[in-house]
Amino acid sequence: METKIQEIRKNIILELKSAENLQDIEKIKTNILGRKGELTLLLRQLGSLSSEERPKLGKLLHQHKKEIELILQKKMIEMGKTEKEKKLKEEGIDISLPGKIFDRGTMHPINLILKEIEDVFLGLGFKIEEGPEIELDYYNFEALNIPKDHPARDDQDSFFVNNEVLLRTHTSPVEIRVMEKQQPPIRIIATGKCYRRDSTDSTHSPMFHQIEGLAVDKNITFGDLKGVLTVFVQRIFGKDRKVRFRPGFFPFTEPSAEVDVSCLLCKGRGCRSCGYTGWLEIMGAGVTDPAVFNMVGYDPEIYSGFAFGMGAERIAMLKYGISDIRLFFENDLRFLKQF
């Protein structure tokens, strides 16, 4: 058995010299120290030896086992270091190579204008509210004083899911939902996507973004509306912009007005972009109709308010000089990189 032990030790040293990787060393270790390894089998044979031979050979066998384990461990550390250096050399970075240029992402122009508009109204004391894009007919039309025979209910204008459910055509339903939940004073804006059955062209899209505003309190007048919108226009388009209010009609406001801003290109002198009028339409607005207050349980004898609504695409087109609304949805990087 002593001769066998010396032979095993000698063979291990020879095999380790020819080992090329950690897997080879693990294989040698298993063949020697594994459950069926040569050294393990010799340890199992100790019980069959005489009482005189067992202590001597047992001591020798355990001594050689420890030495073999140390040899294997040392070789594994050396091989691991060699393999790591080889891998680092193969995967090394050539710092002389030119670097890769990565495009930086930018905010979409619609998101930019929405954030800018929200910042303006937050500074004026308004809160931001949200509502569902799939809306009930009641909130989208009826509660806003839009009767059953109003043209806005025509199937050609709205995307109906069924007789009582549709994709909202404006963000005005958020006004009703907010007023149902709380009592005045209220100062909110609502932004989000809206849907109408429009044919796509340079100024129309079946999906667009709208900003809705509402203020309700005691003694609110049309003058308050004019003051708020004048501040808004001058902060978005510049302090030299003028604002004009023309008579208009909306079922949920009375009196109502169309709001214009002096042309950004000709500064009000008249050019092709503004149809030589010097003005560009940007939104609709007005004093909240008492009928709307009745729908939400407000007393119109005590409270008054104003509301306004504008398209984010319209504001962005005027501010950034964009001539075609379709550019917002085509994902053309040449267009988007300008922002």
C-alpha atoms as a PDB file:
ATOM      1  CA  MET A   1       0.000   0.000   0.000  1.00  0.00           C
ATOM      2  CA  GLU A   2       2.908   2.351   0.757  1.00  0.00           C
ATOM      3  CA  THR A   3       4.223   1.803  -2.778  1.00  0.00           C
ATOM      4  CA  LYS A   4       0.755   2.494  -4.183  1.00  0.00           C
ATOM      5  CA  ILE A   5       0.566   5.787  -2.247  1.00  0.00           C
ATOM      6  CA  GLN A   6       3.930   6.940  -3.632  1.00  0.00           C
ATOM      7  CA  GLU A   7       2.822   5.975  -7.136  1.00  0.00           C
ATOM      8  CA  ILE A   8      -0.408   7.985  -6.817  1.00  0.00           C
ATOM      9  CA  ARG A   9       1.503  11.061  -5.634  1.00  0.00           C
ATOM     10  CA  LYS A  10       3.979  10.755  -8.520  1.00  0.00           C
ATOM     11  CA  ASN A  11       1.182  10.378 -11.109  1.00  0.00           C
ATOM     12  CA  ILE A  12      -0.654  13.446  -9.774  1.00  0.00           C
ATOM     13  CA  ILE A  13       2.423  15.645 -10.236  1.00  0.00           C
ATOM     14  CA  LEU A  14       2.848  14.391 -13.808  1.00  0.00           C
ATOM     15  CA  GLU A  15      -0.832  14.903 -14.668  1.00  0.00           C
ATOM     16  CA  LEU A  16      -0.880  18.412 -13.198  1.00  0.00           C
ATOM     17  CA  LYS A  17       2.021  19.420 -15.435  1.00  0.00           C
ATOM     18  CA  SER A  18      -0.047  18.554 -18.504  1.00  0.00           C
ATOM     19  CA  ALA A  19      -3.269  20.219 -17.195  1.00  0.00           C
ATOM     20  CA  GLU A  20      -4.365  23.074 -19.463  1.00  0.00           C
ATOM     21  CA  ASN A  21      -7.290  24.525 -17.532  1.00  0.00           C
ATOM     22  CA  LEU A  22      -9.285  24.381 -14.304  1.00  0.00           C
ATOM     23  CA  GLN A  23     -11.530  21.660 -15.691  1.00  0.00           C
ATOM     24  CA  ASP A  24      -8.513  19.363 -16.121  1.00  0.00           C
ATOM     25  CA  ILE A  25      -7.456  19.958 -12.509  1.00  0.00           C
ATOM     26  CA  GLU A  26     -11.002  19.288 -11.228  1.00  0.00           C
ATOM     27  CA  LYS A  27     -10.979  16.006 -13.168  1.00  0.00           C
ATOM     28  CA  ILE A  28      -7.649  14.954 -11.573  1.00  0.00           C
ATOM     29  CA  LYS A  29      -8.984  15.896  -8.121  1.00  0.00           C
ATOM     30  CA  THR A  30     -12.091  13.759  -8.657  1.00  0.00           C
ATOM     31  CA  ASN A  31     -10.031  10.772  -9.840  1.00  0.00           C
ATOM     32  CA  ILE A  32      -7.882  10.924  -6.689  1.00  0.00           C
ATOM     33  CA  LEU A  33     -10.104  12.314  -3.905  1.00  0.00           C
ATOM     34  CA  GLY A  34     -13.609  11.715  -5.230  1.00  0.00           C
ATOM     35  CA  ARG A  35     -16.001   9.064  -3.847  1.00  0.00           C
ATOM     36  CA  LYS A  36     -14.427   6.466  -6.156  1.00  0.00           C
ATOM     37  CA  GLY A  37     -10.994   8.103  -6.285  1.00  0.00           C
ATOM     38  CA  GLU A  38      -7.782   6.096  -5.867  1.00  0.00           C
ATOM     39  CA  LEU A  39      -6.843   7.649  -2.524  1.00  0.00           C
ATOM     40  CA  THR A  40     -10.387   7.290  -1.192  1.00  0.00           C
ATOM     41  CA  LEU A  41     -10.399   3.568  -2.034  1.00  0.00           C
ATOM     42  CA  LEU A  42      -7.091   3.108  -0.202  1.00  0.00           C
ATOM     43  CA  LEU A  43      -8.552   4.803   2.894  1.00  0.00           C
ATOM     44  CA  ARG A  44     -11.424   2.352   2.823  1.00  0.00           C
ATOM     45  CA  GLN A  45      -8.944  -0.579   2.828  1.00  0.00           C
ATOM     46  CA  LEU A  46      -7.408   0.442   6.154  1.00  0.00           C
ATOM     47  CA  GLY A  47     -10.030  -1.551   8.029  1.00  0.00           C
ATOM     48  CA  SER A  48      -8.803  -4.791   6.475  1.00  0.00           C
ATOM     49  CA  LEU A  49      -5.206  -4.325   7.659  1.00  0.00           C
ATOM     50  CA  SER A  50      -3.700  -5.837  10.796  1.00  0.00           C
ATOM     51  CA  SER A  51      -3.588  -3.858  14.016  1.00  0.00           C
ATOM     52  CA  GLU A  52       0.204  -3.446  13.575  1.00  0.00           C
ATOM     53  CA  GLU A  53       0.006  -2.084   9.988  1.00  0.00           C
ATOM     54  CA  ARG A  54      -3.098   0.074  10.352  1.00  0.00           C
ATOM     55  CA  PRO A  55      -1.640   2.951  12.471  1.00  0.00           C
ATOM     56  CA  LYS A  56       1.508   3.294  10.399  1.00  0.00           C
ATOM     57  CA  LEU A  57      -0.189   3.166   6.967  1.00  0.00           C
ATOM     58  CA  GLY A  58      -3.161   5.250   8.196  1.00  0.00           C
ATOM     59  CA  LYS A  59      -0.841   8.028   9.309  1.00  0.00           C
ATOM     60  CA  LEU A  60       1.103   7.854   6.034  1.00  0.00           C
ATOM     61  CA  LEU A  61      -2.080   7.842   3.959  1.00  0.00           C
ATOM     62  CA  HIS A  62      -3.601  10.882   5.708  1.00  0.00           C
ATOM     63  CA  GLN A  63      -0.288  12.739   5.480  1.00  0.00           C
ATOM     64  CA  HIS A  64      -0.091  12.146   1.717  1.00  0.00           C
ATOM     65  CA  LYS A  65      -3.777  13.109   1.334  1.00  0.00           C
ATOM     66  CA  LYS A  66      -3.120  16.511   2.924  1.00  0.00           C
ATOM     67  CA  GLU A  67      -0.041  17.044   0.723  1.00  0.00           C
ATOM     68  CA  ILE A  68      -1.999  16.118  -2.405  1.00  0.00           C
ATOM     69  CA  GLU A  69      -4.820  18.477  -1.414  1.00  0.00           C
ATOM     70  CA  LEU A  70      -2.308  21.338  -0.959  1.00  0.00           C
ATOM     71  CA  ILE A  71      -0.687  20.572  -4.336  1.00  0.00           C
ATOM     72  CA  LEU A  72      -4.089  20.571  -6.051  1.00  0.00           C
ATOM     73  CA  GLN A  73      -5.162  23.801  -4.307  1.00  0.00           C
ATOM     74  CA  LYS A  74      -1.925  25.575  -5.259  1.00  0.00           C
ATOM     75  CA  LYS A  75      -2.240  24.435  -8.865  1.00  0.00           C
ATOM     76  CA  MET A  76      -5.891  25.594  -9.035  1.00  0.00           C
ATOM     77  CA  ILE A  77      -4.934  29.084  -7.762  1.00  0.00           C
ATOM     78  CA  GLU A  78      -2.129  29.326 -10.319  1.00  0.00           C
ATOM     79  CA  MET A  79      -4.364  28.103 -13.148  1.00  0.00           C
ATOM     80  CA  GLY A  80      -7.176  30.482 -12.128  1.00  0.00           C
ATOM     81  CA  LYS A  81      -4.807  33.438 -12.200  1.00  0.00           C
ATOM     82  CA  THR A  82      -3.443  32.372 -15.606  1.00  0.00           C
ATOM     83  CA  GLU A  83      -6.941  32.008 -17.084  1.00  0.00           C
ATOM     84  CA  LYS A  84      -8.016  35.391 -15.676  1.00  0.00           C
ATOM     85  CA  GLU A  85      -4.971  37.129 -17.205  1.00  0.00           C
ATOM     86  CA  LYS A  86      -5.642  35.425 -20.527  1.00  0.00           C
ATOM     87  CA  LYS A  87      -9.292  36.501 -20.489  1.00  0.00           C
ATOM     88  CA  LEU A  88      -8.397  40.094 -19.587  1.00  0.00           C
ATOM     89  CA  LYS A  89      -5.860  40.153 -22.417  1.00  0.00           C
ATOM     90  CA  GLU A  90      -8.419  38.830 -24.929  1.00  0.00           C
ATOM     91  CA  GLU A  91     -11.133  41.244 -23.731  1.00  0.00           C
ATOM     92  CA  GLY A  92      -8.870  44.225 -23.255  1.00  0.00           C
ATOM     93  CA  ILE A  93      -9.960  47.670 -24.427  1.00  0.00           C
ATOM     94  CA  ASP A  94      -7.924  49.412 -27.056  1.00  0.00           C
ATOM     95  CA  ILE A  95      -8.012  52.999 -25.802  1.00  0.00           C
ATOM     96  CA  SER A  96      -6.620  54.223 -29.119  1.00  0.00           C
ATOM     97  CA  LEU A  97      -9.841  53.253 -30.949  1.00  0.00           C
ATOM     98  CA  PRO A  98     -12.268  56.128 -31.681  1.00  0.00           C
ATOM     99  CA  GLY A  99     -15.270  56.241 -29.342  1.00  0.00           C
ATOM    100  CA  LYS A 100     -18.873  55.589 -30.352  1.00  0.00           C
ATOM    101  CA  ILE A 101     -21.196  58.564 -30.563  1.00  0.00           C
ATOM    102  CA  PHE A 102     -24.570  57.943 -28.918  1.00  0.00           C
ATOM    103  CA  ASP A 103     -27.566  60.131 -29.741  1.00  0.00           C
ATOM    104  CA  ARG A 104     -29.033  61.937 -26.753  1.00  0.00           C
ATOM    105  CA  GLY A 105     -32.774  61.645 -26.368  1.00  0.00           C
ATOM    106  CA  THR A 106     -34.951  64.751 -26.178  1.00  0.00           C
ATOM    107  CA  MET A 107     -38.479  65.474 -25.011  1.00  0.00           C
ATOM    108  CA  HIS A 108     -41.202  65.359 -27.634  1.00  0.00           C
ATOM    109  CA  PRO A 109     -42.412  68.873 -28.594  1.00  0.00           C
ATOM    110  CA  ILE A 110     -45.930  68.064 -27.332  1.00  0.00           C
ATOM    111  CA  ASN A 111     -44.535  67.059 -23.941  1.00  0.00           C
ATOM    112  CA  LEU A 112     -42.416  70.208 -23.931  1.00  0.00           C
ATOM    113  CA  ILE A 113     -45.374  72.509 -24.555  1.00  0.00           C
ATOM    114  CA  LEU A 114     -47.609  70.656 -22.067  1.00  0.00           C
ATOM    115  CA  LYS A 115     -44.979  70.995 -19.354  1.00  0.00           C
ATOM    116  CA  GLU A 116     -44.495  74.684 -20.133  1.00  0.00           C
ATOM    117  CA  ILE A 117     -48.252  75.338 -20.039  1.00  0.00           C
ATOM    118  CA  GLU A 118     -48.630  73.407 -16.780  1.00  0.00           C
ATOM    119  CA  ASP A 119     -45.802  75.436 -15.219  1.00  0.00           C
ATOM    120  CA  VAL A 120     -47.545  78.692 -16.169  1.00  0.00           C
ATOM    121  CA  PHE A 121     -50.849  77.711 -14.584  1.00  0.00           C
ATOM    122  CA  LEU A 122     -49.232  76.142 -11.516  1.00  0.00           C
ATOM    123  CA  GLY A 123     -47.630  79.520 -10.961  1.00  0.00           C
ATOM    124  CA  LEU A 124     -51.097  81.110 -11.145  1.00  0.00           C
ATOM    125  CA  GLY A 125     -52.457  78.850  -8.399  1.00  0.00           C
ATOM    126  CA  PHE A 126     -54.108  76.162 -10.558  1.00  0.00           C
ATOM    127  CA  LYS A 127     -53.908  72.430  -9.820  1.00  0.00           C
ATOM    128  CA  ILE A 128     -53.496  69.683 -12.423  1.00  0.00           C
ATOM    129  CA  GLU A 129     -56.299  67.119 -12.692  1.00  0.00           C
ATOM    130  CA  GLU A 130     -56.773  64.043 -14.888  1.00  0.00           C
ATOM    131  CA  GLY A 131     -59.744  62.051 -16.175  1.00  0.00           C
ATOM    132  CA  PRO A 132     -60.470  58.913 -18.220  1.00  0.00           C
ATOM    133  CA  GLU A 133     -60.004  58.897 -21.993  1.00  0.00           C
ATOM    134  CA  ILE A 134     -62.932  56.452 -22.345  1.00  0.00           C
ATOM    135  CA  GLU A 135     -65.802  58.582 -21.119  1.00  0.00           C
ATOM    136  CA  LEU A 136     -69.538  58.392 -20.453  1.00  0.00           C
ATOM    137  CA  ASP A 137     -71.909  60.335 -22.693  1.00  0.00           C
ATOM    138  CA  TYR A 138     -73.199  62.087 -19.582  1.00  0.00           C
ATOM    139  CA  TYR A 139     -69.848  63.662 -18.705  1.00  0.00           C
ATOM    140  CA  ASN A 140     -68.741  64.291 -22.278  1.00  0.00           C
ATOM    141  CA  PHE A 141     -71.985  65.982 -23.415  1.00  0.00           C
ATOM    142  CA  GLU A 142     -75.049  66.126 -21.192  1.00  0.00           C
ATOM    143  CA  ALA A 143     -73.481  67.539 -18.014  1.00  0.00           C
ATOM    144  CA  LEU A 144     -71.794  70.193 -20.174  1.00  0.00           C
ATOM    145  CA  ASN A 145     -75.153  71.494 -21.392  1.00  0.00           C
ATOM    146  CA  ILE A 146     -74.818  69.843 -24.817  1.00  0.00           C
ATOM    147  CA  PRO A 147     -78.334  68.699 -25.787  1.00  0.00           C
ATOM    148  CA  LYS A 148     -79.154  65.478 -27.628  1.00  0.00           C
ATOM    149  CA  ASP A 149     -79.590  67.234 -30.965  1.00  0.00           C
ATOM    150  CA  HIS A 150     -76.288  69.155 -30.834  1.00  0.00           C
ATOM    151  CA  PRO A 151     -73.989  68.531 -33.863  1.00  0.00           C
ATOM    152  CA  ALA A 152     -71.140  67.499 -31.546  1.00  0.00           C
ATOM    153  CA  ARG A 153     -73.054  64.288 -30.856  1.00  0.00           C
ATOM    154  CA  ASP A 154     -73.026  63.294 -34.502  1.00  0.00           C
ATOM    155  CA  ASP A 155     -71.380  59.903 -35.124  1.00  0.00           C
ATOM    156  CA  GLN A 156     -69.161  61.568 -37.718  1.00  0.00           C
ATOM    157  CA  ASP A 157     -67.498  63.644 -34.950  1.00  0.00           C
ATOM    158  CA  SER A 158     -67.132  61.125 -32.118  1.00  0.00           C
ATOM    159  CA  PHE A 159     -65.822  57.589 -31.625  1.00  0.00           C
ATOM    160  CA  PHE A 160     -68.633  55.760 -29.809  1.00  0.00           C
ATOM    161  CA  VAL A 161     -68.058  52.420 -28.076  1.00  0.00           C
ATOM    162  CA  ASN A 162     -71.815  52.081 -27.510  1.00  0.00           C
ATOM    163  CA  ASN A 163     -74.733  54.463 -26.997  1.00  0.00           C
ATOM    164  CA  GLU A 164     -73.447  55.595 -23.590  1.00  0.00           C
ATOM    165  CA  VAL A 165     -69.654  55.260 -23.905  1.00  0.00           C
ATOM    166  CA  LEU A 166     -67.227  57.015 -26.237  1.00  0.00           C
ATOM    167  CA  LEU A 167     -63.651  58.238 -26.531  1.00  0.00           C
ATOM    168  CA  ARG A 168     -63.740  61.718 -25.032  1.00  0.00           C
ATOM    169  CA  THR A 169     -63.852  64.520 -27.592  1.00  0.00           C
ATOM    170  CA  HIS A 170     -62.389  67.122 -25.195  1.00  0.00           C
ATOM    171  CA  THR A 171     -60.966  67.329 -21.672  1.00  0.00           C
ATOM    172  CA  SER A 172     -64.012  69.278 -20.443  1.00  0.00           C
ATOM    173  CA  PRO A 173     -65.530  66.192 -18.709  1.00  0.00           C
ATOM    174  CA  VAL A 174     -62.753  66.526 -16.118  1.00  0.00           C
ATOM    175  CA  GLU A 175     -64.392  69.812 -15.024  1.00  0.00           C
ATOM    176  CA  ILE A 176     -67.638  68.001 -14.176  1.00  0.00           C
ATOM    177  CA  ARG A 177     -65.880  65.171 -12.341  1.00  0.00           C
ATOM    178  CA  VAL A 178     -63.889  67.647 -10.222  1.00  0.00           C
ATOM    179  CA  MET A 179     -66.949  69.791  -9.387  1.00  0.00           C
ATOM    180  CA  GLU A 180     -68.893  66.681  -8.353  1.00  0.00           C
ATOM    181  CA  LYS A 181     -66.189  65.827  -5.803  1.00  0.00           C
ATOM    182  CA  GLN A 182     -65.501  69.195  -4.204  1.00  0.00           C
ATOM    183  CA  GLN A 183     -67.001  72.552  -3.423  1.00  0.00           C
ATOM    184  CA  PRO A 184     -65.569  75.894  -4.622  1.00  0.00           C
ATOM    185  CA  PRO A 185     -63.113  77.504  -4.729  1.00  0.00           C
ATOM    186  CA  ILE A 186     -61.723  75.522  -7.667  1.00  0.00           C
ATOM    187  CA  ARG A 187     -58.797  76.337  -9.936  1.00  0.00           C
ATOM    188  CA  ILE A 188     -57.740  73.419 -12.123  1.00  0.00           C
ATOM    189  CA  ILE A 189     -56.340  72.561 -15.526  1.00  0.00           C
ATOM    190  CA  ALA A 190     -56.712  69.177 -17.209  1.00  0.00           C
ATOM    191  CA  THR A 191     -54.413  67.952 -19.955  1.00  0.00           C
ATOM    192  CA  GLY A 192     -54.630  64.782 -22.022  1.00  0.00           C
ATOM    193  CA  LYS A 193     -55.505  63.008 -25.240  1.00  0.00           C
ATOM    194  CA  CYS A 194     -58.819  63.547 -27.034  1.00  0.00           C
ATOM    195  CA  TYR A 195     -60.377  61.890 -30.068  1.00  0.00           C
ATOM    196  CA  ARG A 196     -62.571  63.068 -32.926  1.00  0.00           C
ATOM    197  CA  ARG A 197     -63.435  61.582 -36.288  1.00  0.00           C
ATOM    198  CA  ASP A 198     -61.469  64.110 -38.318  1.00  0.00           C
ATOM    199  CA  SER A 199     -59.725  63.378 -41.596  1.00  0.00           C
ATOM    200  CA  THR A 200     -55.966  63.748 -41.224  1.00  0.00           C
ATOM    201  CA  ASP A 201     -54.460  66.780 -42.912  1.00  0.00           C
ATOM    202  CA  SER A 202     -51.938  69.504 -42.077  1.00  0.00           C
ATOM    203  CA  THR A 203     -54.119  70.944 -39.279  1.00  0.00           C
ATOM    204  CA  HIS A 204     -56.356  68.023 -38.174  1.00  0.00           C
ATOM    205  CA  SER A 205     -55.763  64.664 -36.517  1.00  0.00           C
ATOM    206  CA  PRO A 206     -58.199  62.064 -35.087  1.00  0.00           C
ATOM    207  CA  MET A 207     -56.121  62.091 -31.888  1.00  0.00           C
ATOM    208  CA  PHE A 208     -54.850  65.298 -30.308  1.00  0.00           C
ATOM    209  CA  HIS A 209     -53.968  66.802 -26.920  1.00  0.00           C
ATOM    210  CA  GLN A 210     -56.085  69.400 -25.170  1.00  0.00           C
ATOM    211  CA  ILE A 211     -55.610  71.681 -22.173  1.00  0.00           C
ATOM    212  CA  GLU A 212     -58.772  72.549 -20.256  1.00  0.00           C
ATOM    213  CA  GLY A 213     -58.987  75.180 -17.532  1.00  0.00           C
ATOM    214  CA  LEU A 214     -61.644  75.926 -14.914  1.00  0.00           C
ATOM    215  CA  ALA A 215     -61.967  78.452 -12.087  1.00  0.00           C
ATOM    216  CA  VAL A 216     -65.009  78.627  -9.767  1.00  0.00           C
ATOM    217  CA  ASP A 217     -65.477  80.940  -6.806  1.00  0.00           C
ATOM    218  CA  LYS A 218     -67.601  83.839  -5.629  1.00  0.00           C
ATOM    219  CA  ASN A 219     -67.573  87.000  -7.748  1.00  0.00           C
ATOM    220  CA  ILE A 220     -65.502  85.634 -10.646  1.00  0.00           C
ATOM    221  CA  THR A 221     -66.016  87.730 -13.797  1.00  0.00           C
ATOM    222  CA  PHE A 222     -65.090  87.768 -17.460  1.00  0.00           C
ATOM    223  CA  GLY A 223     -62.371  90.241 -16.488  1.00  0.00           C
ATOM    224  CA  ASP A 224     -60.678  87.550 -14.398  1.00  0.00           C
ATOM    225  CA  LEU A 225     -60.692  85.264 -17.431  1.00  0.00           C
ATOM    226  CA  LYS A 226     -59.118  87.956 -19.599  1.00  0.00           C
ATOM    227  CA  GLY A 227     -56.427  88.610 -17.003  1.00  0.00           C
ATOM    228  CA  VAL A 228     -55.456  84.938 -16.633  1.00  0.00           C
ATOM    229  CA  LEU A 229     -55.337  84.269 -20.379  1.00  0.00           C
ATOM    230  CA  THR A 230     -53.375  87.447 -21.090  1.00  0.00           C
ATOM    231  CA  VAL A 231     -50.720  86.355 -18.594  1.00  0.00           C
ATOM    232  CA  PHE A 232     -50.699  82.873 -20.140  1.00  0.00           C
ATOM    233  CA  VAL A 233     -50.275  84.175 -23.712  1.00  0.00           C
ATOM    234  CA  GLN A 234     -47.459  86.537 -22.809  1.00  0.00           C
ATOM    235  CA  ARG A 235     -45.549  83.876 -20.865  1.00  0.00           C
ATOM    236  CA  ILE A 236     -45.848  81.326 -23.674  1.00  0.00           C
ATOM    237  CA  PHE A 237     -45.424  83.562 -26.726  1.00  0.00           C
ATOM    238  CA  GLY A 238     -43.648  86.633 -25.348  1.00  0.00           C
ATOM    239  CA  LYS A 239     -44.411  89.823 -23.435  1.00  0.00           C
ATOM    240  CA  ASP A 240     -45.020  91.795 -26.638  1.00  0.00           C
ATOM    241  CA  ARG A 241     -47.945  89.561 -27.700  1.00  0.00           C
ATOM    242  CA  LYS A 242     -51.423  91.104 -27.722  1.00  0.00           C
ATOM    243  CA  VAL A 243     -54.638  89.194 -26.954  1.00  0.00           C
ATOM    244  CA  ARG A 244     -58.036  89.660 -28.587  1.00  0.00           C
ATOM    245  CA  PHE A 245     -61.395  88.257 -27.457  1.00  0.00           C
ATOM    246  CA  ARG A 246     -64.087  87.784 -30.128  1.00  0.00           C
ATOM    247  CA  PRO A 247     -67.704  86.771 -29.449  1.00  0.00           C
ATOM    248  CA  GLY A 248     -68.205  83.023 -29.802  1.00  0.00           C
ATOM    249  CA  PHE A 249     -70.566  80.226 -28.781  1.00  0.00           C
ATOM    250  CA  PHE A 250     -70.043  77.149 -26.629  1.00  0.00           C
ATOM    251  CA  PRO A 251     -72.911  75.279 -24.914  1.00  0.00           C
ATOM    252  CA  PHE A 252     -71.174  75.238 -21.534  1.00  0.00           C
ATOM    253  CA  THR A 253     -70.144  78.938 -21.344  1.00  0.00           C
ATOM    254  CA  GLU A 254     -72.143  82.161 -21.611  1.00  0.00           C
ATOM    255  CA  PRO A 255     -70.874  84.617 -22.668  1.00  0.00           C
ATOM    256  CA  SER A 256     -68.307  82.776 -24.810  1.00  0.00           C
ATOM    257  CA  ALA A 257     -65.301  84.039 -26.713  1.00  0.00           C
ATOM    258  CA  GLU A 258     -62.735  82.983 -29.302  1.00  0.00           C
ATOM    259  CA  VAL A 259     -59.277  84.035 -28.146  1.00  0.00           C
ATOM    260  CA  ASP A 260     -56.679  85.314 -30.634  1.00  0.00           C
ATOM    261  CA  VAL A 261     -53.024  86.251 -30.262  1.00  0.00           C
ATOM    262  CA  SER A 262     -51.221  88.783 -32.434  1.00  0.00           C
ATOM    263  CA  CYS A 263     -49.350  87.019 -35.244  1.00  0.00           C
ATOM    264  CA  LEU A 264     -45.894  85.860 -34.183  1.00  0.00           C
ATOM    265  CA  LEU A 265     -44.434  86.308 -37.678  1.00  0.00           C
ATOM    266  CA  CYS A 266     -45.690  89.746 -38.694  1.00  0.00           C
ATOM    267  CA  LYS A 267     -46.286  91.012 -35.126  1.00  0.00           C
ATOM    268  CA  GLY A 268     -49.849  92.007 -35.996  1.00  0.00           C
ATOM    269  CA  ARG A 269     -49.132  93.845 -39.238  1.00  0.00           C
ATOM    270  CA  GLY A 270     -50.699  91.141 -41.444  1.00  0.00           C
ATOM    271  CA  CYS A 271     -49.062  88.365 -43.455  1.00  0.00           C
ATOM    272  CA  ARG A 272     -49.869  85.154 -45.334  1.00  0.00           C
ATOM    273  CA  SER A 273     -49.693  83.015 -42.161  1.00  0.00           C
ATOM    274  CA  CYS A 274     -52.421  85.004 -40.398  1.00  0.00           C
ATOM    275  CA  GLY A 275     -54.508  85.613 -43.527  1.00  0.00           C
ATOM    276  CA  TYR A 276     -53.390  89.263 -43.461  1.00  0.00           C
ATOM    277  CA  THR A 277     -55.530  89.859 -40.343  1.00  0.00           C
ATOM    278  CA  GLY A 278     -52.640  90.164 -37.906  1.00  0.00           C
ATOM    279  CA  TRP A 279     -54.289  87.626 -35.544  1.00  0.00           C
ATOM    280  CA  LEU A 280     -54.102  83.868 -34.911  1.00  0.00           C
ATOM    281  CA  GLU A 281     -56.827  81.913 -33.095  1.00  0.00           C
ATOM    282  CA  ILE A 282     -55.532  79.847 -30.140  1.00  0.00           C
ATOM    283  CA  MET A 283     -58.472  78.789 -27.940  1.00  0.00           C
ATOM    284  CA  GLY A 284     -62.093  79.080 -26.871  1.00  0.00           C
ATOM    285  CA  ALA A 285     -63.189  80.415 -23.482  1.00  0.00           C
ATOM    286  CA  GLY A 286     -66.067  81.942 -21.551  1.00  0.00           C
ATOM    287  CA  VAL A 287     -67.969  82.357 -18.318  1.00  0.00           C
ATOM    288  CA  THR A 288     -69.357  79.045 -17.037  1.00  0.00           C
ATOM    289  CA  ASP A 289     -73.033  78.621 -17.921  1.00  0.00           C
ATOM    290  CA  PRO A 290     -75.363  78.405 -14.864  1.00  0.00           C
ATOM    291  CA  ALA A 291     -76.873  75.237 -16.381  1.00  0.00           C
ATOM    292  CA  VAL A 292     -73.527  73.468 -15.818  1.00  0.00           C
ATOM    293  CA  PHE A 293     -73.505  74.534 -12.162  1.00  0.00           C
ATOM    294  CA  ASN A 294     -77.029  73.138 -11.758  1.00  0.00           C
ATOM    295  CA  MET A 295     -75.814  69.745 -13.037  1.00  0.00           C
ATOM    296  CA  VAL A 296     -73.184  69.504 -10.278  1.00  0.00           C
ATOM    297  CA  GLY A 297     -75.241  71.007  -7.469  1.00  0.00           C
ATOM    298  CA  TYR A 298     -73.621  74.459  -7.309  1.00  0.00           C
ATOM    299  CA  ASP A 299     -75.831  77.483  -6.671  1.00  0.00           C
ATOM    300  CA  PRO A 300     -75.303  79.844  -9.656  1.00  0.00           C
ATOM    301  CA  GLU A 301     -76.625  82.693  -7.546  1.00  0.00           C
ATOM    302  CA  ILE A 302     -73.630  82.304  -5.225  1.00  0.00           C
ATOM    303  CA  TYR A 303     -70.859  81.004  -7.464  1.00  0.00           C
ATOM    304  CA  SER A 304     -69.536  82.007 -10.866  1.00  0.00           C
ATOM    305  CA  GLY A 305     -66.592  80.827 -12.907  1.00  0.00           C
ATOM    306  CA  PHE A 306     -64.799  80.674 -16.216  1.00  0.00           C
ATOM    307  CA  ALA A 307     -63.447  77.921 -18.448  1.00  0.00           C
ATOM    308  CA  PHE A 308     -61.132  77.700 -21.433  1.00  0.00           C
ATOM    309  CA  GLY A 309     -59.808  75.015 -23.743  1.00  0.00           C
ATOM    310  CA  MET A 310     -56.957  74.865 -26.228  1.00  0.00           C
ATOM    311  CA  GLY A 311     -55.140  72.291 -28.358  1.00  0.00           C
ATOM    312  CA  ALA A 312     -51.543  71.528 -27.390  1.00  0.00           C
ATOM    313  CA  GLU A 313     -50.656  70.863 -31.030  1.00  0.00           C
ATOM    314  CA  ARG A 314     -52.043  74.268 -32.034  1.00  0.00           C
ATOM    315  CA  ILE A 315     -49.998  76.074 -29.366  1.00  0.00           C
ATOM    316  CA  ALA A 316     -46.839  74.109 -30.269  1.00  0.00           C
ATOM    317  CA  MET A 317     -47.274  74.807 -33.994  1.00  0.00           C
ATOM    318  CA  LEU A 318     -47.548  78.530 -33.356  1.00  0.00           C
ATOM    319  CA  LYS A 319     -44.721  78.684 -30.810  1.00  0.00           C
ATOM    320  CA  TYR A 320     -42.229  76.553 -32.759  1.00  0.00           C
ATOM    321  CA  GLY A 321     -43.268  77.559 -36.297  1.00  0.00           C
ATOM    322  CA  ILE A 322     -44.468  74.074 -37.332  1.00  0.00           C
ATOM    323  CA  SER A 323     -46.655  73.991 -40.443  1.00  0.00           C
ATOM    324  CA  ASP A 324     -47.997  70.402 -40.380  1.00  0.00           C
ATOM    325  CA  ILE A 325     -49.585  68.625 -37.382  1.00  0.00           C
ATOM    326  CA  ARG A 326     -48.653  65.235 -38.852  1.00  0.00           C
ATOM    327  CA  LEU A 327     -44.996  65.871 -38.007  1.00  0.00           C
ATOM    328  CA  PHE A 328     -45.819  65.342 -34.323  1.00  0.00           C
ATOM    329  CA  PHE A 329     -46.838  61.714 -34.924  1.00  0.00           C
ATOM    330  CA  GLU A 330     -44.434  60.527 -37.660  1.00  0.00           C
ATOM    331  CA  ASN A 331     -41.426  59.956 -35.349  1.00  0.00           C
ATOM    332  CA  ASP A 332     -39.041  61.499 -37.872  1.00  0.00           C
ATOM    333  CA  LEU A 333     -35.755  61.973 -35.973  1.00  0.00           C
ATOM    334  CA  ARG A 334     -34.803  64.906 -38.218  1.00  0.00           C
ATOM    335  CA  PHE A 335     -37.855  66.712 -36.846  1.00  0.00           C
ATOM    336  CA  LEU A 336     -37.642  65.524 -33.235  1.00  0.00           C
ATOM    337  CA  LYS A 337     -33.933  66.373 -32.865  1.00  0.00           C
ATOM    338  CA  GLN A 338     -34.759  70.048 -33.338  1.00  0.00           C
ATOM    339  CA  PHE A 339     -36.268  70.065 -29.847  1.00  0.00           C
END
